[in-house]
N, C-alpha and C. Protein backbone atom coordinates (compact mmCIF):
# COMPACT_ATOMS: atom_id res chain seq x y z
N MET A 1 142.19 -42.42 -4.72
CA MET A 1 143.00 -42.20 -3.54
C MET A 1 142.54 -43.19 -2.47
N GLY A 2 143.49 -43.82 -1.78
CA GLY A 2 143.18 -44.80 -0.75
C GLY A 2 142.70 -44.14 0.53
N LEU A 3 141.98 -44.93 1.29
CA LEU A 3 141.50 -44.44 2.58
C LEU A 3 142.65 -44.38 3.57
N THR A 4 142.68 -43.35 4.38
CA THR A 4 143.74 -43.22 5.37
C THR A 4 143.36 -43.83 6.70
N ARG A 5 142.08 -44.11 6.90
CA ARG A 5 141.62 -44.71 8.14
C ARG A 5 140.76 -45.92 7.84
N ASN A 6 140.86 -46.87 8.68
CA ASN A 6 140.05 -48.05 8.62
C ASN A 6 138.59 -47.65 8.82
N PHE A 7 137.67 -48.32 8.12
CA PHE A 7 136.26 -48.00 8.22
C PHE A 7 135.77 -48.11 9.66
N LYS A 8 136.15 -49.17 10.36
CA LYS A 8 135.71 -49.34 11.74
C LYS A 8 136.25 -48.23 12.64
N GLU A 9 137.45 -47.77 12.39
CA GLU A 9 138.00 -46.64 13.16
C GLU A 9 137.19 -45.38 12.88
N THR A 10 136.77 -45.20 11.65
CA THR A 10 135.97 -44.04 11.28
C THR A 10 134.62 -44.09 11.99
N VAL A 11 133.99 -45.27 12.00
CA VAL A 11 132.71 -45.43 12.69
C VAL A 11 132.90 -45.13 14.17
N GLN A 12 133.95 -45.68 14.77
CA GLN A 12 134.18 -45.47 16.20
C GLN A 12 134.38 -43.98 16.50
N ALA A 13 135.14 -43.30 15.69
CA ALA A 13 135.37 -41.87 15.90
C ALA A 13 134.06 -41.09 15.80
N ARG A 14 133.23 -41.47 14.84
CA ARG A 14 131.95 -40.77 14.66
C ARG A 14 131.01 -41.05 15.82
N VAL A 15 131.00 -42.29 16.31
CA VAL A 15 130.16 -42.65 17.46
C VAL A 15 130.54 -41.82 18.67
N LEU A 16 131.83 -41.66 18.88
CA LEU A 16 132.31 -40.90 20.04
C LEU A 16 132.02 -39.41 19.92
N ALA A 17 132.01 -38.90 18.68
CA ALA A 17 131.85 -37.47 18.46
C ALA A 17 130.41 -37.03 18.23
N ASP A 18 129.54 -37.96 17.85
CA ASP A 18 128.19 -37.59 17.41
C ASP A 18 127.14 -38.47 18.10
N PRO A 19 126.55 -37.98 19.20
CA PRO A 19 125.56 -38.78 19.92
C PRO A 19 124.36 -39.19 19.05
N ALA A 20 123.94 -38.36 18.13
CA ALA A 20 122.81 -38.70 17.27
C ALA A 20 123.17 -39.88 16.36
N PHE A 21 124.39 -39.89 15.84
CA PHE A 21 124.86 -41.00 15.02
C PHE A 21 124.92 -42.27 15.86
N ARG A 22 125.44 -42.14 17.08
CA ARG A 22 125.54 -43.29 17.99
C ARG A 22 124.17 -43.90 18.22
N ASP A 23 123.18 -43.07 18.54
CA ASP A 23 121.83 -43.57 18.80
C ASP A 23 121.23 -44.19 17.54
N ALA A 24 121.48 -43.58 16.39
CA ALA A 24 120.95 -44.11 15.13
C ALA A 24 121.58 -45.46 14.80
N LEU A 25 122.84 -45.65 15.15
CA LEU A 25 123.51 -46.92 14.90
C LEU A 25 122.86 -48.03 15.74
N LEU A 26 122.59 -47.74 17.00
CA LEU A 26 121.90 -48.70 17.86
C LEU A 26 120.52 -49.02 17.28
N GLN A 27 119.79 -48.00 16.91
CA GLN A 27 118.45 -48.20 16.33
C GLN A 27 118.53 -49.03 15.06
N GLU A 28 119.49 -48.75 14.20
CA GLU A 28 119.63 -49.48 12.94
C GLU A 28 119.92 -50.96 13.19
N GLY A 29 120.77 -51.24 14.16
CA GLY A 29 121.08 -52.64 14.47
C GLY A 29 119.85 -53.40 14.95
N VAL A 30 119.08 -52.79 15.82
CA VAL A 30 117.87 -53.44 16.33
C VAL A 30 116.83 -53.58 15.22
N GLU A 31 116.67 -52.55 14.40
CA GLU A 31 115.71 -52.63 13.30
C GLU A 31 116.09 -53.72 12.31
N ALA A 32 117.37 -53.89 12.05
CA ALA A 32 117.80 -54.96 11.15
C ALA A 32 117.43 -56.33 11.73
N LEU A 33 117.64 -56.51 13.02
CA LEU A 33 117.26 -57.77 13.66
C LEU A 33 115.76 -58.00 13.54
N LEU A 34 114.97 -56.99 13.87
CA LEU A 34 113.52 -57.12 13.81
C LEU A 34 113.02 -57.36 12.39
N GLY A 35 113.75 -56.84 11.42
CA GLY A 35 113.38 -57.02 10.02
C GLY A 35 113.83 -58.35 9.44
N GLY A 36 114.49 -59.17 10.26
CA GLY A 36 114.91 -60.49 9.80
C GLY A 36 116.31 -60.54 9.24
N ASP A 37 117.01 -59.42 9.18
CA ASP A 37 118.39 -59.40 8.67
C ASP A 37 119.33 -59.55 9.87
N VAL A 38 119.40 -60.76 10.38
CA VAL A 38 120.15 -61.04 11.60
C VAL A 38 121.63 -60.77 11.42
N ASP A 39 122.20 -61.15 10.29
CA ASP A 39 123.64 -60.94 10.09
C ASP A 39 124.01 -59.46 10.13
N THR A 40 123.22 -58.63 9.45
CA THR A 40 123.49 -57.19 9.47
C THR A 40 123.26 -56.62 10.86
N GLY A 41 122.18 -57.03 11.51
CA GLY A 41 121.90 -56.54 12.85
C GLY A 41 123.01 -56.87 13.82
N LYS A 42 123.51 -58.10 13.78
CA LYS A 42 124.61 -58.49 14.67
C LYS A 42 125.87 -57.69 14.35
N ALA A 43 126.15 -57.48 13.08
CA ALA A 43 127.36 -56.74 12.69
C ALA A 43 127.29 -55.29 13.14
N VAL A 44 126.13 -54.67 12.97
CA VAL A 44 125.96 -53.27 13.38
C VAL A 44 126.07 -53.16 14.91
N LEU A 45 125.42 -54.07 15.62
CA LEU A 45 125.49 -54.03 17.08
C LEU A 45 126.90 -54.34 17.57
N ARG A 46 127.61 -55.23 16.90
CA ARG A 46 129.01 -55.52 17.26
C ARG A 46 129.85 -54.25 17.14
N ASP A 47 129.71 -53.53 16.04
CA ASP A 47 130.45 -52.27 15.86
C ASP A 47 130.04 -51.25 16.91
N TYR A 48 128.74 -51.19 17.21
CA TYR A 48 128.24 -50.27 18.22
C TYR A 48 128.85 -50.59 19.58
N ILE A 49 128.85 -51.86 19.96
CA ILE A 49 129.40 -52.27 21.25
C ILE A 49 130.88 -51.92 21.33
N LYS A 50 131.63 -52.24 20.28
CA LYS A 50 133.07 -51.94 20.28
C LYS A 50 133.33 -50.44 20.44
N ALA A 51 132.46 -49.62 19.84
CA ALA A 51 132.68 -48.17 19.86
C ALA A 51 132.14 -47.50 21.12
N THR A 52 131.34 -48.21 21.90
CA THR A 52 130.75 -47.57 23.08
C THR A 52 131.22 -48.27 24.36
N VAL A 53 130.47 -49.21 24.83
CA VAL A 53 130.73 -49.84 26.12
C VAL A 53 131.88 -50.84 26.09
N GLY A 54 132.09 -51.52 24.98
CA GLY A 54 133.12 -52.55 24.87
C GLY A 54 132.63 -53.88 25.40
N PHE A 55 133.18 -54.97 24.89
CA PHE A 55 132.72 -56.30 25.27
C PHE A 55 133.10 -56.66 26.71
N GLU A 56 134.23 -56.19 27.19
CA GLU A 56 134.64 -56.48 28.56
C GLU A 56 133.64 -55.88 29.55
N GLN A 57 133.34 -54.61 29.39
CA GLN A 57 132.41 -53.94 30.29
C GLN A 57 131.00 -54.48 30.12
N LEU A 58 130.60 -54.74 28.89
CA LEU A 58 129.26 -55.30 28.65
C LEU A 58 129.12 -56.65 29.36
N GLY A 59 130.16 -57.46 29.30
CA GLY A 59 130.14 -58.74 29.99
C GLY A 59 130.00 -58.56 31.50
N ALA A 60 130.76 -57.64 32.05
CA ALA A 60 130.70 -57.37 33.49
C ALA A 60 129.31 -56.86 33.88
N ASP A 61 128.73 -56.01 33.05
CA ASP A 61 127.43 -55.41 33.37
C ASP A 61 126.27 -56.39 33.21
N THR A 62 126.40 -57.35 32.31
CA THR A 62 125.30 -58.28 32.04
C THR A 62 125.51 -59.65 32.67
N GLY A 63 126.69 -59.89 33.21
CA GLY A 63 126.98 -61.20 33.80
C GLY A 63 127.33 -62.25 32.77
N ALA A 64 127.60 -61.84 31.56
CA ALA A 64 127.96 -62.77 30.49
C ALA A 64 129.47 -62.70 30.25
N SER A 65 130.02 -63.77 29.76
CA SER A 65 131.43 -63.80 29.42
C SER A 65 131.67 -62.91 28.20
N PRO A 66 132.68 -62.05 28.25
CA PRO A 66 132.99 -61.24 27.06
C PRO A 66 133.24 -62.09 25.82
N LYS A 67 133.90 -63.24 26.00
CA LYS A 67 134.15 -64.12 24.85
C LYS A 67 132.84 -64.66 24.28
N SER A 68 131.89 -64.99 25.15
CA SER A 68 130.58 -65.45 24.67
C SER A 68 129.86 -64.35 23.91
N LEU A 69 129.96 -63.12 24.41
CA LEU A 69 129.33 -62.00 23.73
C LEU A 69 129.96 -61.75 22.36
N ILE A 70 131.27 -61.84 22.29
CA ILE A 70 131.97 -61.66 21.01
C ILE A 70 131.51 -62.72 20.03
N ARG A 71 131.43 -63.98 20.48
CA ARG A 71 130.94 -65.06 19.60
C ARG A 71 129.49 -64.83 19.21
N MET A 72 128.67 -64.38 20.16
CA MET A 72 127.25 -64.16 19.91
C MET A 72 127.03 -63.17 18.78
N PHE A 73 127.84 -62.12 18.74
CA PHE A 73 127.68 -61.10 17.71
C PHE A 73 128.60 -61.32 16.50
N GLY A 74 129.32 -62.42 16.49
CA GLY A 74 130.18 -62.77 15.35
C GLY A 74 129.37 -63.33 14.20
N PRO A 75 130.00 -63.49 13.05
CA PRO A 75 129.29 -63.98 11.85
C PRO A 75 128.60 -65.33 12.03
N ALA A 76 129.17 -66.22 12.82
CA ALA A 76 128.57 -67.54 13.02
C ALA A 76 127.73 -67.60 14.29
N GLY A 77 127.63 -66.49 15.02
CA GLY A 77 126.90 -66.48 16.28
C GLY A 77 125.42 -66.69 16.09
N ASN A 78 124.82 -67.37 17.05
CA ASN A 78 123.38 -67.63 17.03
C ASN A 78 122.84 -67.32 18.43
N PRO A 79 122.64 -66.03 18.74
CA PRO A 79 122.28 -65.66 20.10
C PRO A 79 120.90 -66.15 20.50
N GLN A 80 120.79 -66.57 21.75
CA GLN A 80 119.48 -66.89 22.30
C GLN A 80 118.75 -65.59 22.55
N ALA A 81 117.44 -65.62 22.42
CA ALA A 81 116.64 -64.41 22.59
C ALA A 81 116.88 -63.79 23.96
N ARG A 82 116.96 -64.60 25.00
CA ARG A 82 117.16 -64.08 26.36
C ARG A 82 118.44 -63.25 26.43
N ASN A 83 119.53 -63.77 25.88
CA ASN A 83 120.81 -63.07 25.90
C ASN A 83 120.78 -61.83 25.02
N LEU A 84 120.19 -61.95 23.86
CA LEU A 84 120.13 -60.82 22.93
C LEU A 84 119.33 -59.66 23.53
N PHE A 85 118.18 -59.96 24.11
CA PHE A 85 117.36 -58.90 24.69
C PHE A 85 118.00 -58.31 25.94
N ALA A 86 118.73 -59.11 26.68
CA ALA A 86 119.45 -58.57 27.84
C ALA A 86 120.50 -57.56 27.39
N VAL A 87 121.20 -57.89 26.31
CA VAL A 87 122.22 -56.98 25.78
C VAL A 87 121.57 -55.71 25.25
N ILE A 88 120.51 -55.85 24.46
CA ILE A 88 119.84 -54.68 23.90
C ILE A 88 119.29 -53.79 25.01
N SER A 89 118.73 -54.39 26.04
CA SER A 89 118.22 -53.62 27.18
C SER A 89 119.35 -52.84 27.84
N HIS A 90 120.48 -53.50 28.04
CA HIS A 90 121.61 -52.81 28.67
C HIS A 90 122.13 -51.68 27.77
N LEU A 91 122.23 -51.93 26.47
CA LEU A 91 122.73 -50.91 25.55
C LEU A 91 121.82 -49.68 25.56
N GLN A 92 120.53 -49.90 25.64
CA GLN A 92 119.60 -48.76 25.71
C GLN A 92 119.83 -47.95 26.98
N ARG A 93 119.95 -48.64 28.12
CA ARG A 93 120.20 -47.93 29.38
C ARG A 93 121.52 -47.18 29.32
N HIS A 94 122.54 -47.82 28.79
CA HIS A 94 123.87 -47.21 28.71
C HIS A 94 123.82 -45.95 27.83
N ALA A 95 123.06 -46.01 26.74
CA ALA A 95 122.96 -44.88 25.82
C ALA A 95 121.97 -43.83 26.30
N GLY A 96 121.12 -44.19 27.25
CA GLY A 96 120.10 -43.25 27.69
C GLY A 96 118.98 -43.07 26.69
N VAL A 97 118.67 -44.13 25.96
CA VAL A 97 117.58 -44.09 24.98
C VAL A 97 116.63 -45.25 25.25
N ALA A 98 115.42 -45.11 24.74
CA ALA A 98 114.44 -46.19 24.80
C ALA A 98 113.90 -46.39 23.39
N LEU A 99 114.16 -47.55 22.84
CA LEU A 99 113.67 -47.86 21.50
C LEU A 99 112.27 -48.44 21.61
N HIS A 100 111.39 -48.08 20.66
CA HIS A 100 110.02 -48.56 20.65
C HIS A 100 109.71 -49.12 19.28
N VAL A 101 108.88 -50.14 19.26
CA VAL A 101 108.45 -50.76 18.01
C VAL A 101 107.15 -50.10 17.58
N THR A 102 107.07 -49.72 16.32
CA THR A 102 105.83 -49.20 15.76
C THR A 102 105.49 -49.98 14.50
N ALA A 103 104.22 -50.19 14.28
CA ALA A 103 103.78 -50.91 13.09
C ALA A 103 103.83 -49.97 11.88
N GLN A 104 104.34 -50.49 10.79
CA GLN A 104 104.41 -49.73 9.54
C GLN A 104 103.77 -50.59 8.45
N PRO A 105 102.96 -50.00 7.61
CA PRO A 105 102.41 -50.79 6.50
C PRO A 105 103.53 -51.24 5.56
N THR A 106 103.39 -52.43 5.05
CA THR A 106 104.43 -52.95 4.13
C THR A 106 104.10 -52.68 2.71
């Protein structure tokens, strides 16, 4: 049986309905970046941004162009650390969470 809803629409609906899922999605995106999986991290954060604050508002809040932010989190995007950390900092404040790094044995 085919899906009746687009996957991204499903994620967006879940983000809006489930704060724990929303916070976990933000955490997963940041963890992917820290783990070296930049493409997955950008994709997860892109979906998170679309489902929460949106690129227009994120641009207004961070002083960045929404188009630049969309490119930054796109498949070919190569964000500068300064811009990436500014966005992550804003997303944490917007969500009301504080992410922390902990060392884990490999």
